Amino acid sequence: MQEWDAQHFVLYAAIPHHMLQFIDVDDPYVIDQMVHLFKVTDDLCFKQLEQIQNRRMNRIAETTYTYKV
């Protein structure tokens, strides 16, 4: 559990979520831009982008899901 917490912290400390508003995540060169901007590895950027995409998909699923009574 502590290992997961440490990895999770590194991800968010190295690439602050509030700074991602200035990044076009749909750009094909987004990884290169993030590596240059945040001075981190491409693997770390890829993981952060995966989480962003997962959150987007979850939000889309939540908003399109209709409850049946």
C-alpha atoms as a PDB file:
ATOM      1  CA  MET A   1       0.000   0.000   0.000  1.00  0.00           C
ATOM      2  CA  GLN A   2       2.831   2.403   0.821  1.00  0.00           C
ATOM      3  CA  GLU A   3       4.484   1.648  -2.520  1.00  0.00           C
ATOM      4  CA  TRP A   4       1.252   2.497  -4.343  1.00  0.00           C
ATOM      5  CA  ASP A   5       0.934   5.717  -2.327  1.00  0.00           C
ATOM      6  CA  ALA A   6       4.510   6.684  -3.173  1.00  0.00           C
ATOM      7  CA  GLN A   7       4.022   6.060  -6.896  1.00  0.00           C
ATOM      8  CA  HIS A   8       0.723   7.937  -6.863  1.00  0.00           C
ATOM      9  CA  PHE A   9       2.344  10.885  -5.106  1.00  0.00           C
ATOM     10  CA  VAL A  10       5.232  11.013  -7.604  1.00  0.00           C
ATOM     11  CA  LEU A  11       2.789  11.088 -10.489  1.00  0.00           C
ATOM     12  CA  TYR A  12       0.878  14.057  -9.128  1.00  0.00           C
ATOM     13  CA  ALA A  13       3.874  15.901  -7.689  1.00  0.00           C
ATOM     14  CA  ALA A  14       5.864  15.664 -10.920  1.00  0.00           C
ATOM     15  CA  ILE A  15       2.959  16.598 -13.188  1.00  0.00           C
ATOM     16  CA  PRO A  16       0.536  18.815 -11.259  1.00  0.00           C
ATOM     17  CA  HIS A  17      -3.029  18.367 -12.443  1.00  0.00           C
ATOM     18  CA  HIS A  18      -3.749  22.099 -12.443  1.00  0.00           C
ATOM     19  CA  MET A  19      -0.932  22.667 -14.951  1.00  0.00           C
ATOM     20  CA  LEU A  20      -2.404  20.198 -17.410  1.00  0.00           C
ATOM     21  CA  GLN A  21      -5.055  22.727 -18.381  1.00  0.00           C
ATOM     22  CA  PHE A  22      -2.363  24.340 -20.535  1.00  0.00           C
ATOM     23  CA  ILE A  23      -1.584  21.082 -22.362  1.00  0.00           C
ATOM     24  CA  ASP A  24      -3.516  19.878 -25.392  1.00  0.00           C
ATOM     25  CA  VAL A  25      -3.862  16.194 -24.529  1.00  0.00           C
ATOM     26  CA  ASP A  26      -5.203  15.468 -28.020  1.00  0.00           C
ATOM     27  CA  ASP A  27      -1.989  16.694 -29.674  1.00  0.00           C
ATOM     28  CA  PRO A  28      -0.035  13.778 -31.186  1.00  0.00           C
ATOM     29  CA  TYR A  29       3.172  15.194 -29.643  1.00  0.00           C
ATOM     30  CA  VAL A  30       1.737  15.720 -26.188  1.00  0.00           C
ATOM     31  CA  ILE A  31       4.174  13.278 -24.540  1.00  0.00           C
ATOM     32  CA  ASP A  32       7.168  15.135 -25.960  1.00  0.00           C
ATOM     33  CA  GLN A  33       5.711  18.454 -24.822  1.00  0.00           C
ATOM     34  CA  MET A  34       5.100  17.175 -21.311  1.00  0.00           C
ATOM     35  CA  VAL A  35       8.575  15.629 -21.055  1.00  0.00           C
ATOM     36  CA  HIS A  36      10.078  18.970 -22.031  1.00  0.00           C
ATOM     37  CA  LEU A  37       7.808  21.063 -19.804  1.00  0.00           C
ATOM     38  CA  PHE A  38       7.883  18.953 -16.638  1.00  0.00           C
ATOM     39  CA  LYS A  39      11.370  17.423 -17.064  1.00  0.00           C
ATOM     40  CA  VAL A  40      10.119  13.886 -16.389  1.00  0.00           C
ATOM     41  CA  THR A  41      10.301  10.587 -18.239  1.00  0.00           C
ATOM     42  CA  ASP A  42       8.004   9.755 -21.102  1.00  0.00           C
ATOM     43  CA  ASP A  43       6.734   6.760 -19.127  1.00  0.00           C
ATOM     44  CA  LEU A  44       5.535   9.040 -16.328  1.00  0.00           C
ATOM     45  CA  CYS A  45       3.795  11.306 -18.843  1.00  0.00           C
ATOM     46  CA  PHE A  46       2.162   8.313 -20.502  1.00  0.00           C
ATOM     47  CA  LYS A  47       0.814   7.101 -17.144  1.00  0.00           C
ATOM     48  CA  GLN A  48      -0.597  10.525 -16.342  1.00  0.00           C
ATOM     49  CA  LEU A  49      -2.267  10.739 -19.762  1.00  0.00           C
ATOM     50  CA  GLU A  50      -3.772   7.290 -19.268  1.00  0.00           C
ATOM     51  CA  GLN A  51      -5.344   8.454 -16.028  1.00  0.00           C
ATOM     52  CA  ILE A  52      -6.686  11.586 -17.706  1.00  0.00           C
ATOM     53  CA  GLN A  53      -8.241   9.512 -20.484  1.00  0.00           C
ATOM     54  CA  ASN A  54      -9.733   7.091 -17.969  1.00  0.00           C
ATOM     55  CA  ARG A  55     -11.289   9.983 -16.044  1.00  0.00           C
ATOM     56  CA  ARG A  56     -12.718  11.383 -19.272  1.00  0.00           C
ATOM     57  CA  MET A  57     -14.233   8.040 -20.194  1.00  0.00           C
ATOM     58  CA  ASN A  58     -15.709   7.656 -16.702  1.00  0.00           C
ATOM     59  CA  ARG A  59     -17.287  11.105 -16.896  1.00  0.00           C
ATOM     60  CA  ILE A  60     -18.734  10.344 -20.318  1.00  0.00           C
ATOM     61  CA  ALA A  61     -20.111   7.040 -19.077  1.00  0.00           C
ATOM     62  CA  GLU A  62     -21.626   8.706 -16.015  1.00  0.00           C
ATOM     63  CA  THR A  63     -23.320  11.440 -18.032  1.00  0.00           C
ATOM     64  CA  THR A  64     -24.663   9.141 -20.737  1.00  0.00           C
ATOM     65  CA  TYR A  65     -25.938   6.487 -18.345  1.00  0.00           C
ATOM     66  CA  THR A  66     -29.664   6.796 -17.798  1.00  0.00           C
ATOM     67  CA  TYR A  67     -31.411   5.328 -14.812  1.00  0.00           C
ATOM     68  CA  LYS A  68     -34.475   3.215 -15.422  1.00  0.00           C
ATOM     69  CA  VAL A  69     -37.219   3.217 -12.849  1.00  0.00           C
END
